Amino acid sequence: MSMEDKYPSQPPPLSDGKNPHVMIVGAGLAGLLLAILLDKAGIPYQIFERAKEVKPLGAVMSLNAGILPALEQLGLYEDLLKLSLPVTGTFNIYNSDLTLILAPKNITAQVIGYDHIVFPRPEFYDLLLSKVLREKIHFSKKVMSLEQNKEGVMIRCADGTTYHGDILVGADGAHSGVRQALYKRLAKQGQLPPSDLKELSKGFICMVGTTKSLDPAKYPGVDDEAANINQIISKDSLYSWSAFSVPGNRICWNVKLQLATVEESTEHKFKSSEWGPETSEHMIKETRDFRIPFGDNTLGDLIDATPRENISKVFLEDKLFDTWNHGRTVLIGDACHKLLPSAGLGAVTAMQDAVVLANCLYEMKGLALSDISATLDEFKTERYSKVKTQYEASRTNARLIYGQSYFERFMRMIIFNWLPESVKMKGGYKGVEFRPQASFIPQIPVRGSGPVLPQKPSQRYLDEQSKMNGGEHAPAVV
């Protein structure tokens, strides 16, 4: 029996003639948030995930005002705060001997409207997952190829199954199967820019984990009501590391090794993309005596207090792709822009993609291929320049807090010591000016006194509210 006989093609979904059927590939943060948004907009969807189950990295995650208003709209914000600590307490950058380099000032919630918050990534993932109907998610569905024409788009999975829809969204991460399938076809047609064929840039190797609950007497500051955040930069090695307190008297930690420098050294053997036990243990052995600003403890103490299943090892890669969409297919999040996790921008930009794409789909004029292509073009037009700014900011920030080259050390000294505080604060405002909200549900009023980019109201939503209110338009909050 062939795979096609065992797993027959799924028939195209019935259309209501108004809303597209959206196939989301990838059940990560961006894919789940898009699903929640589409559900609110009344747009049918299905999620296809290549893994048997998703196990997010056991690392700390942070979000800011760039996405929190949208989460508040969706009723997720209060639940997220229960999992989080605000970044209003200790935030220090140290040398490896724990001499202080810098204690950056936090921009107050009075100005921004929201506290910057930190929390364990797996717990936020579970919160999003709980809001999506399980029957909408299909696991063990690795996309191998796609076909699209004026009638629709089809994906073929590794198990031989095929699925049909009106729009395909690749939300399947930095090594996106949707992107690879799309680019393969575009390259054959001579429509793919050469830059999109280049590999992602591997800047660092990172090991991350979250401890079990710790004794505040041994780890002073772990039970503070605000996040205790510490970044440590080695003076005499190729490493940097950090330790963040999160709810439950736990610490999220990570240690990073800069690859650009490693490749010039004969002391390290981390060039392979495969992680074996020996390389993991070698990294642990090299870093376990690194000091942390939580009492008289070391990184090794945190590693020993972390369940092995909560420790992950990854490459930190980055790349901004030029091609985000073609025909009925569009990419979001890491699939089209992978950012370094140096300023908490990767998750924010991915989830902003989900909000903006949901808005564009809600406003789509019709279901013809021309309507879909124009809508996906509009999505990229709205997002690309903003993401490019964030991409460059993440690279700069990574060089400041992770970089070990002579130039990066010099740049760190100049910016940390000589750059006026007013300039640093202005950069902080700029990072959260863009705060997209779902255009098809009631808006959250703008918080804070800082600048916020206005959002164009949805004419479709205003018209629908007018009909419900007997001809009177509902007020739009922008």
Protein backbone atom coordinates (compact mmCIF):
# COMPACT_ATOMS: atom_id res chain seq x y z
CA MET A 1 0.00 0.00 0.00
CA SER A 2 1.43 3.38 -0.98
CA MET A 3 1.61 6.32 1.42
CA GLU A 4 -1.01 8.09 -0.70
CA ASP A 5 -3.38 5.12 -0.32
CA LYS A 6 -2.78 4.89 3.43
CA TYR A 7 -3.15 8.63 3.96
CA PRO A 8 -5.55 9.98 1.33
CA SER A 9 -5.63 13.63 0.38
CA GLN A 10 -7.91 15.72 2.53
CA PRO A 11 -10.66 17.42 0.50
CA PRO A 12 -10.58 21.21 0.21
CA PRO A 13 -12.56 22.85 3.03
CA LEU A 14 -15.96 24.29 2.31
CA SER A 15 -15.80 28.05 1.89
CA ASP A 16 -18.32 30.59 3.14
CA GLY A 17 -17.35 32.79 0.18
CA LYS A 18 -16.19 35.52 2.53
CA ASN A 19 -13.37 34.30 4.77
CA PRO A 20 -10.29 32.38 3.60
CA HIS A 21 -9.37 29.01 5.05
CA VAL A 22 -5.91 29.46 6.54
CA MET A 23 -3.38 26.67 7.01
CA ILE A 24 -0.82 27.57 9.69
CA VAL A 25 2.34 25.48 9.67
CA GLY A 26 4.05 25.63 13.05
CA ALA A 27 2.54 25.53 16.56
CA GLY A 28 5.06 27.92 18.10
CA LEU A 29 4.27 31.24 19.75
CA ALA A 30 3.53 33.10 16.50
CA GLY A 31 1.43 30.27 15.08
CA LEU A 32 -0.65 29.88 18.22
CA LEU A 33 -1.23 33.63 18.59
CA LEU A 34 -2.28 33.86 14.94
CA ALA A 35 -4.75 31.03 15.53
CA ILE A 36 -6.25 32.82 18.54
CA LEU A 37 -6.57 36.01 16.50
CA LEU A 38 -8.15 34.28 13.51
CA ASP A 39 -10.66 32.62 15.81
CA LYS A 40 -11.67 36.05 17.12
CA ALA A 41 -11.97 37.33 13.54
CA GLY A 42 -14.16 34.41 12.49
CA ILE A 43 -11.57 33.14 9.99
CA PRO A 44 -11.29 29.32 9.81
CA TYR A 45 -7.85 27.78 10.30
CA GLN A 46 -5.93 24.59 10.95
CA ILE A 47 -2.44 24.22 12.48
CA PHE A 48 0.10 21.67 11.25
CA GLU A 49 3.09 20.96 13.52
CA ARG A 50 6.04 18.76 12.51
CA ALA A 51 6.81 17.57 16.05
CA LYS A 52 4.85 14.97 18.02
CA GLU A 53 4.56 17.64 20.69
CA VAL A 54 6.12 21.05 21.18
CA LYS A 55 8.63 21.44 24.00
CA PRO A 56 9.72 25.09 24.20
CA LEU A 57 13.19 25.93 25.46
CA GLY A 58 13.28 26.14 29.25
CA ALA A 59 14.61 29.69 29.07
CA VAL A 60 13.58 33.09 30.30
CA MET A 61 11.46 35.15 27.95
CA SER A 62 10.58 38.82 28.03
CA LEU A 63 7.84 40.91 26.48
CA ASN A 64 7.28 44.65 26.32
CA ALA A 65 4.63 47.17 25.35
CA GLY A 66 5.13 46.31 21.69
CA ILE A 67 2.83 43.29 22.10
CA LEU A 68 1.23 43.54 25.56
CA PRO A 69 -1.76 45.66 24.41
CA ALA A 70 -2.73 42.94 21.91
CA LEU A 71 -2.46 40.29 24.61
CA GLU A 72 -4.62 42.47 26.86
CA GLN A 73 -7.23 42.69 24.09
CA LEU A 74 -7.34 38.90 23.90
CA GLY A 75 -7.75 38.47 27.65
CA LEU A 76 -4.27 36.96 28.06
CA TYR A 77 -2.49 39.80 29.81
CA GLU A 78 -3.74 39.22 33.36
CA ASP A 79 -2.97 35.51 33.14
CA LEU A 80 0.51 36.30 31.83
CA LEU A 81 1.19 38.67 34.73
CA LYS A 82 0.56 35.77 37.12
CA LEU A 83 3.47 33.94 35.47
CA SER A 84 5.76 36.97 35.35
CA LEU A 85 7.92 39.39 37.26
CA PRO A 86 8.27 43.04 36.24
CA VAL A 87 11.66 44.36 35.17
CA THR A 88 11.58 47.17 37.71
CA GLY A 89 14.13 45.84 40.20
CA THR A 90 17.81 44.99 39.91
CA PHE A 91 19.24 45.08 36.38
CA ASN A 92 23.02 44.92 36.40
CA ILE A 93 25.76 44.15 33.91
CA TYR A 94 28.95 42.77 35.46
CA ASN A 95 32.44 41.69 34.63
CA SER A 96 33.20 38.04 35.41
CA ASP A 97 34.65 39.05 38.83
CA LEU A 98 31.24 40.67 39.55
CA THR A 99 32.56 44.21 39.42
CA LEU A 100 29.72 46.37 38.11
CA ILE A 101 29.94 47.63 34.53
CA LEU A 102 26.53 49.23 34.19
CA ALA A 103 23.14 49.44 35.90
CA PRO A 104 20.82 50.63 33.09
CA LYS A 105 17.86 52.76 34.09
CA ASN A 106 14.44 51.29 33.48
CA ILE A 107 11.87 53.36 31.61
CA THR A 108 8.96 53.64 34.02
CA ALA A 109 5.54 52.17 33.34
CA GLN A 110 4.17 55.68 33.77
CA VAL A 111 5.91 56.65 30.54
CA ILE A 112 5.56 53.40 28.59
CA GLY A 113 2.23 52.28 30.06
CA TYR A 114 3.37 48.71 30.73
CA ASP A 115 6.18 47.14 32.71
CA HIS A 116 8.67 45.07 30.77
CA ILE A 117 8.07 41.54 32.13
CA VAL A 118 10.06 38.28 32.29
CA PHE A 119 8.80 34.72 32.70
CA PRO A 120 9.66 31.12 31.78
CA ARG A 121 8.95 30.54 28.10
CA PRO A 122 7.28 27.10 28.53
CA GLU A 123 4.63 28.56 30.85
CA PHE A 124 3.67 31.30 28.39
CA TYR A 125 3.53 28.70 25.63
CA ASP A 126 1.14 26.58 27.69
CA LEU A 127 -1.05 29.65 28.24
CA LEU A 128 -1.36 30.24 24.49
CA LEU A 129 -1.88 26.54 23.79
CA SER A 130 -4.75 26.42 26.28
CA LYS A 131 -6.65 28.96 24.16
CA VAL A 132 -6.54 26.89 20.96
CA LEU A 133 -8.91 23.99 20.36
CA ARG A 134 -6.83 20.81 20.27
CA GLU A 135 -8.76 19.46 17.28
CA LYS A 136 -7.41 22.42 15.31
CA ILE A 137 -3.80 21.27 15.78
CA HIS A 138 -2.37 18.33 13.81
CA PHE A 139 0.95 17.03 15.16
CA SER A 140 3.61 14.96 13.35
CA LYS A 141 2.92 16.87 10.12
CA LYS A 142 6.25 17.82 8.58
CA VAL A 143 5.70 19.79 5.37
CA MET A 144 7.76 18.45 2.45
CA SER A 145 6.32 20.37 -0.50
CA LEU A 146 3.61 22.79 -1.52
CA GLU A 147 1.58 23.55 -4.63
CA GLN A 148 -0.38 26.73 -5.25
CA ASN A 149 -2.43 28.09 -8.12
CA LYS A 150 -5.47 30.27 -8.74
CA GLU A 151 -7.71 27.66 -7.08
CA GLY A 152 -5.87 27.25 -3.76
CA VAL A 153 -2.77 25.99 -1.99
CA MET A 154 -1.88 22.42 -1.01
CA ILE A 155 0.76 21.05 1.35
CA ARG A 156 2.16 17.52 1.28
CA CYS A 157 3.49 16.14 4.56
CA ALA A 158 6.19 13.56 5.23
CA ASP A 159 3.56 10.93 6.09
CA GLY A 160 2.00 11.27 2.64
CA THR A 161 -1.04 13.28 3.70
CA THR A 162 -2.05 16.39 1.78
CA TYR A 163 -4.14 19.34 2.91
CA HIS A 164 -5.79 22.18 1.04
CA GLY A 165 -6.63 25.78 1.88
CA ASP A 166 -6.83 29.32 0.55
CA ILE A 167 -3.76 30.71 2.35
CA LEU A 168 -0.65 29.03 3.75
CA VAL A 169 1.23 30.63 6.65
CA GLY A 170 4.74 29.43 7.41
CA ALA A 171 5.18 29.98 11.14
CA ASP A 172 7.52 27.03 11.48
CA GLY A 173 10.69 28.65 12.73
CA ALA A 174 14.17 29.53 11.55
CA HIS A 175 14.53 26.33 9.50
CA SER A 176 11.03 26.58 8.07
CA GLY A 177 9.89 23.74 5.83
CA VAL A 178 7.39 26.08 4.18
CA ARG A 179 10.16 28.57 3.38
CA GLN A 180 12.37 25.83 1.96
CA ALA A 181 9.55 24.47 -0.23
CA LEU A 182 8.58 27.97 -1.42
CA TYR A 183 12.17 29.04 -2.09
CA LYS A 184 12.89 25.85 -4.01
CA ARG A 185 10.15 26.66 -6.48
CA LEU A 186 11.03 30.34 -6.71
CA ALA A 187 14.70 29.52 -7.29
CA LYS A 188 13.79 27.22 -10.19
CA GLN A 189 11.76 30.05 -11.67
CA GLY A 190 14.61 32.55 -11.21
CA GLN A 191 12.50 34.64 -8.82
CA LEU A 192 14.53 34.24 -5.61
CA PRO A 193 17.12 36.88 -4.58
CA PRO A 194 20.60 35.33 -4.12
CA SER A 195 20.72 36.60 -0.52
CA ASP A 196 17.80 34.32 0.40
CA LEU A 197 19.86 31.26 -0.53
CA LYS A 198 22.50 32.01 2.10
CA GLU A 199 22.48 30.17 5.42
CA LEU A 200 21.51 31.80 8.69
CA SER A 201 24.41 33.43 10.47
CA LYS A 202 25.44 31.40 13.53
CA GLY A 203 26.76 33.89 16.08
CA PHE A 204 26.72 31.99 19.36
CA ILE A 205 26.19 28.65 21.01
CA CYS A 206 23.84 28.95 23.96
CA MET A 207 22.92 26.62 26.81
CA VAL A 208 19.82 27.58 28.77
CA GLY A 209 17.80 26.26 31.68
CA THR A 210 15.37 27.02 34.50
CA THR A 211 16.06 25.79 38.02
CA LYS A 212 13.67 24.23 40.45
CA SER A 213 12.51 26.37 43.40
CA LEU A 214 15.53 27.69 45.33
CA ASP A 215 16.09 28.61 48.96
CA PRO A 216 16.07 32.43 49.30
CA ALA A 217 18.49 32.14 52.22
CA LYS A 218 21.07 30.58 49.90
CA TYR A 219 20.09 32.63 46.84
CA PRO A 220 19.28 36.13 48.19
CA GLY A 221 17.11 38.14 45.80
CA VAL A 222 15.47 35.12 44.20
CA ASP A 223 12.21 35.87 46.02
CA ASP A 224 12.06 39.59 45.18
CA GLU A 225 8.73 40.88 43.85
CA ALA A 226 10.50 42.33 40.81
CA ALA A 227 12.84 40.48 38.48
CA ASN A 228 16.46 40.33 39.55
CA ILE A 229 18.32 40.46 36.24
CA ASN A 230 22.05 39.99 35.86
CA GLN A 231 24.22 39.83 32.76
CA ILE A 232 27.87 38.85 33.18
CA ILE A 233 30.57 39.36 30.53
CA SER A 234 33.84 37.52 30.88
CA LYS A 235 37.08 39.48 30.88
CA ASP A 236 39.33 36.58 29.99
CA SER A 237 37.25 33.92 28.22
CA LEU A 238 34.93 33.65 25.24
CA TYR A 239 31.80 33.36 27.38
CA SER A 240 29.01 35.55 28.68
CA TRP A 241 26.20 34.39 30.94
CA SER A 242 23.08 35.63 32.68
CA ALA A 243 20.76 34.80 35.58
CA PHE A 244 17.16 36.07 35.88
CA SER A 245 14.80 35.47 38.77
CA VAL A 246 11.30 34.33 37.79
CA PRO A 247 8.20 33.47 39.85
CA GLY A 248 8.41 30.48 42.15
CA ASN A 249 11.86 31.38 43.56
CA ARG A 250 13.45 30.05 40.38
CA ILE A 251 16.29 31.31 38.21
CA CYS A 252 16.39 31.19 34.42
CA TRP A 253 20.03 31.08 33.33
CA ASN A 254 21.98 30.91 30.11
CA VAL A 255 25.59 30.79 29.00
CA LYS A 256 26.77 31.85 25.54
CA LEU A 257 29.93 31.12 23.58
CA GLN A 258 30.74 33.41 20.65
CA LEU A 259 31.36 31.37 17.51
CA ALA A 260 33.16 33.96 15.42
CA THR A 261 35.95 33.96 17.96
CA VAL A 262 35.80 30.21 18.62
CA GLU A 263 36.53 29.37 15.00
CA GLU A 264 39.88 31.15 15.36
CA SER A 265 40.77 29.16 18.49
CA THR A 266 42.08 25.61 18.80
CA GLU A 267 40.81 25.31 22.37
CA HIS A 268 37.15 24.67 21.46
CA LYS A 269 35.42 22.05 19.37
CA PHE A 270 31.89 23.38 18.92
CA LYS A 271 31.76 23.73 15.15
CA SER A 272 29.35 20.86 14.53
CA SER A 273 25.62 21.49 14.32
CA GLU A 274 25.07 18.27 16.30
CA TRP A 275 25.15 18.28 20.09
CA GLY A 276 26.44 15.13 21.73
CA PRO A 277 26.76 14.41 25.46
CA GLU A 278 30.49 15.01 25.36
CA THR A 279 30.15 18.56 24.01
CA SER A 280 27.42 19.37 26.53
CA GLU A 281 29.49 18.09 29.42
CA HIS A 282 32.56 19.94 28.14
CA MET A 283 30.64 23.22 28.13
CA ILE A 284 29.27 22.56 31.61
CA LYS A 285 32.74 21.74 32.90
CA GLU A 286 34.20 24.93 31.46
CA THR A 287 31.47 27.18 32.87
CA ARG A 288 30.39 25.70 36.20
CA ASP A 289 32.77 27.87 38.26
CA PHE A 290 31.45 31.12 36.74
CA ARG A 291 30.16 33.39 39.49
CA ILE A 292 26.60 34.73 39.65
CA PRO A 293 25.22 37.64 41.74
CA PHE A 294 22.90 35.45 43.84
CA GLY A 295 24.83 34.89 47.06
CA ASP A 296 28.04 32.89 47.08
CA ASN A 297 26.95 30.66 44.19
CA THR A 298 28.12 29.72 40.73
CA LEU A 299 26.63 28.80 37.40
CA GLY A 300 27.39 25.19 38.30
CA ASP A 301 25.06 25.47 41.30
CA LEU A 302 22.28 26.62 38.96
CA ILE A 303 23.00 23.78 36.53
CA ASP A 304 22.88 21.24 39.36
CA ALA A 305 19.54 22.73 40.53
CA THR A 306 18.05 22.42 37.04
CA PRO A 307 16.26 19.24 35.93
CA ARG A 308 18.07 17.89 32.87
CA GLU A 309 14.89 18.07 30.80
CA ASN A 310 14.87 21.83 31.44
CA ILE A 311 18.31 22.32 29.89
CA SER A 312 18.54 23.04 26.16
CA LYS A 313 21.46 23.80 23.85
CA VAL A 314 20.99 25.78 20.66
CA PHE A 315 22.76 27.91 18.12
CA LEU A 316 21.83 31.60 18.27
CA GLU A 317 21.33 32.47 14.62
CA ASP A 318 20.07 35.52 12.79
CA LYS A 319 19.02 36.52 9.30
CA LEU A 320 16.53 38.89 7.68
CA PHE A 321 15.12 37.27 4.54
CA ASP A 322 13.99 39.36 1.57
CA THR A 323 11.20 37.09 0.33
CA TRP A 324 8.30 36.83 2.77
CA ASN A 325 5.44 35.88 0.47
CA HIS A 326 4.49 34.64 -2.95
CA GLY A 327 1.04 33.83 -4.29
CA ARG A 328 -1.02 32.32 -1.47
CA THR A 329 1.94 31.65 0.83
CA VAL A 330 3.34 33.96 3.52
CA LEU A 331 6.02 33.61 6.20
CA ILE A 332 5.95 35.08 9.70
CA GLY A 333 8.26 35.13 12.72
CA ASP A 334 11.57 33.28 12.63
CA ALA A 335 10.66 31.82 9.23
CA CYS A 336 11.36 35.21 7.62
CA HIS A 337 13.34 37.13 10.27
CA LYS A 338 15.42 35.37 12.90
CA LEU A 339 16.70 37.79 15.54
CA LEU A 340 19.31 37.28 18.22
CA PRO A 341 17.70 37.06 21.69
CA SER A 342 19.63 40.03 23.00
CA ALA A 343 16.89 42.56 23.62
CA GLY A 344 13.75 40.45 23.90
CA LEU A 345 12.77 41.39 20.35
CA GLY A 346 12.46 38.01 18.64
CA ALA A 347 9.21 36.93 20.27
CA VAL A 348 7.78 40.46 20.15
CA THR A 349 8.36 40.85 16.40
CA ALA A 350 7.00 37.36 15.67
CA MET A 351 3.80 38.03 17.59
CA GLN A 352 3.47 41.48 16.02
CA ASP A 353 3.56 39.67 12.67
CA ALA A 354 0.62 37.55 13.80
CA VAL A 355 -1.41 40.63 14.79
CA VAL A 356 -0.71 42.54 11.58
CA LEU A 357 -1.34 39.50 9.37
CA ALA A 358 -4.65 38.78 11.11
CA ASN A 359 -5.69 42.40 10.52
CA CYS A 360 -4.74 42.20 6.84
CA LEU A 361 -6.68 38.96 6.37
CA TYR A 362 -9.71 40.45 8.10
CA GLU A 363 -9.67 43.39 5.66
CA MET A 364 -9.13 41.25 2.54
CA LYS A 365 -11.52 42.26 -0.25
CA GLY A 366 -12.19 38.80 -1.69
CA LEU A 367 -10.91 35.25 -2.09
CA ALA A 368 -9.46 35.57 -5.60
CA LEU A 369 -5.73 34.97 -5.98
CA SER A 370 -5.24 38.64 -6.83
CA ASP A 371 -6.95 39.67 -3.56
CA ILE A 372 -4.82 37.26 -1.53
CA SER A 373 -1.55 38.25 -3.19
CA ALA A 374 -2.30 41.95 -2.67
CA THR A 375 -3.14 41.33 0.99
CA LEU A 376 0.07 39.41 1.65
CA ASP A 377 2.07 42.11 -0.16
CA GLU A 378 0.44 44.67 2.12
CA PHE A 379 1.43 42.63 5.16
CA LYS A 380 5.09 42.61 4.17
CA THR A 381 5.03 46.30 3.29
CA GLU A 382 3.73 47.17 6.74
CA ARG A 383 6.14 44.92 8.60
CA TYR A 384 9.46 44.85 6.75
CA SER A 385 10.90 48.27 7.65
CA LYS A 386 9.88 47.91 11.29
CA VAL A 387 11.38 44.43 11.55
CA LYS A 388 14.57 45.61 9.87
CA THR A 389 14.98 48.27 12.56
CA GLN A 390 14.46 45.67 15.30
CA TYR A 391 16.80 43.22 13.56
CA GLU A 392 19.59 45.79 13.53
CA ALA A 393 18.87 46.69 17.16
CA SER A 394 19.14 43.04 18.22
CA ARG A 395 22.51 42.71 16.46
CA THR A 396 23.85 45.86 18.09
CA ASN A 397 22.62 44.84 21.50
CA ALA A 398 24.15 41.37 21.13
CA ARG A 399 27.53 42.92 20.36
CA LEU A 400 27.22 45.06 23.47
CA ILE A 401 26.28 42.38 25.98
CA TYR A 402 27.70 39.18 24.41
CA GLY A 403 30.49 40.32 22.10
CA GLN A 404 34.08 39.38 22.94
CA SER A 405 36.08 40.84 20.04
CA TYR A 406 38.35 43.83 20.70
CA PHE A 407 36.05 46.10 18.72
CA GLU A 408 32.97 44.91 20.63
CA ARG A 409 34.72 45.47 23.96
CA PHE A 410 35.70 48.97 22.83
CA MET A 411 32.16 49.70 21.62
CA ARG A 412 30.80 48.51 24.97
CA MET A 413 33.12 50.86 26.87
CA ILE A 414 32.12 53.84 24.72
CA ILE A 415 28.36 53.27 24.84
CA PHE A 416 28.14 52.18 28.46
CA ASN A 417 30.34 54.95 29.81
CA TRP A 418 30.04 57.92 27.47
CA LEU A 419 26.69 57.78 25.67
CA PRO A 420 24.31 60.33 27.27
CA GLU A 421 21.50 58.79 29.32
CA SER A 422 18.94 60.80 27.34
CA VAL A 423 20.05 59.08 24.12
CA LYS A 424 19.75 55.64 25.74
CA MET A 425 16.25 56.45 27.00
CA LYS A 426 15.18 57.73 23.59
CA GLY A 427 16.21 54.39 22.10
CA GLY A 428 14.08 52.63 24.70
CA TYR A 429 11.01 54.66 23.73
CA LYS A 430 11.55 53.98 20.04
CA GLY A 431 11.54 50.24 20.61
CA VAL A 432 7.94 50.24 21.86
CA GLU A 433 6.32 52.93 19.74
CA PHE A 434 4.74 50.33 17.47
CA ARG A 435 1.96 48.53 19.35
CA PRO A 436 -0.38 46.79 16.90
CA GLN A 437 -3.75 45.65 18.17
CA ALA A 438 -6.36 43.43 16.57
CA SER A 439 -8.55 45.71 14.46
CA PHE A 440 -11.65 43.50 14.70
CA ILE A 441 -12.24 43.55 18.47
CA PRO A 442 -12.52 46.48 20.89
CA GLN A 443 -9.25 48.38 21.26
CA ILE A 444 -7.32 48.90 24.47
CA PRO A 445 -6.80 52.64 25.10
CA VAL A 446 -3.22 53.85 24.75
CA ARG A 447 -1.34 53.70 28.05
CA GLY A 448 1.53 55.87 29.22
CA SER A 449 2.74 59.30 28.23
CA GLY A 450 5.36 58.12 25.72
CA PRO A 451 4.95 58.25 21.93
CA VAL A 452 2.82 55.54 20.28
CA LEU A 453 2.39 55.11 16.52
CA PRO A 454 -1.27 55.50 15.52
CA GLN A 455 -3.10 52.49 14.11
CA LYS A 456 -5.41 52.76 11.15
CA PRO A 457 -8.91 51.71 12.21
CA SER A 458 -10.69 48.89 10.40
CA GLN A 459 -13.44 50.14 8.12
CA ARG A 460 -14.98 46.68 8.00
CA TYR A 461 -15.15 46.54 11.80
CA LEU A 462 -16.63 50.05 11.99
CA ASP A 463 -19.27 49.15 9.40
CA GLU A 464 -20.20 45.93 11.21
CA GLN A 465 -20.45 47.74 14.54
CA SER A 466 -22.56 50.42 12.89
CA LYS A 467 -25.05 47.81 11.72
CA MET A 468 -25.19 46.30 15.20
CA ASN A 469 -25.72 49.73 16.77
CA GLY A 470 -28.49 50.80 14.42
CA GLY A 471 -26.35 52.91 12.12
CA GLU A 472 -24.13 54.61 14.69
CA HIS A 473 -20.39 54.02 14.34
CA ALA A 474 -18.59 52.71 17.39
CA PRO A 475 -15.76 55.01 18.49
CA ALA A 476 -12.31 53.88 17.29
CA VAL A 477 -9.41 53.98 19.70
CA VAL A 478 -6.13 54.63 17.84
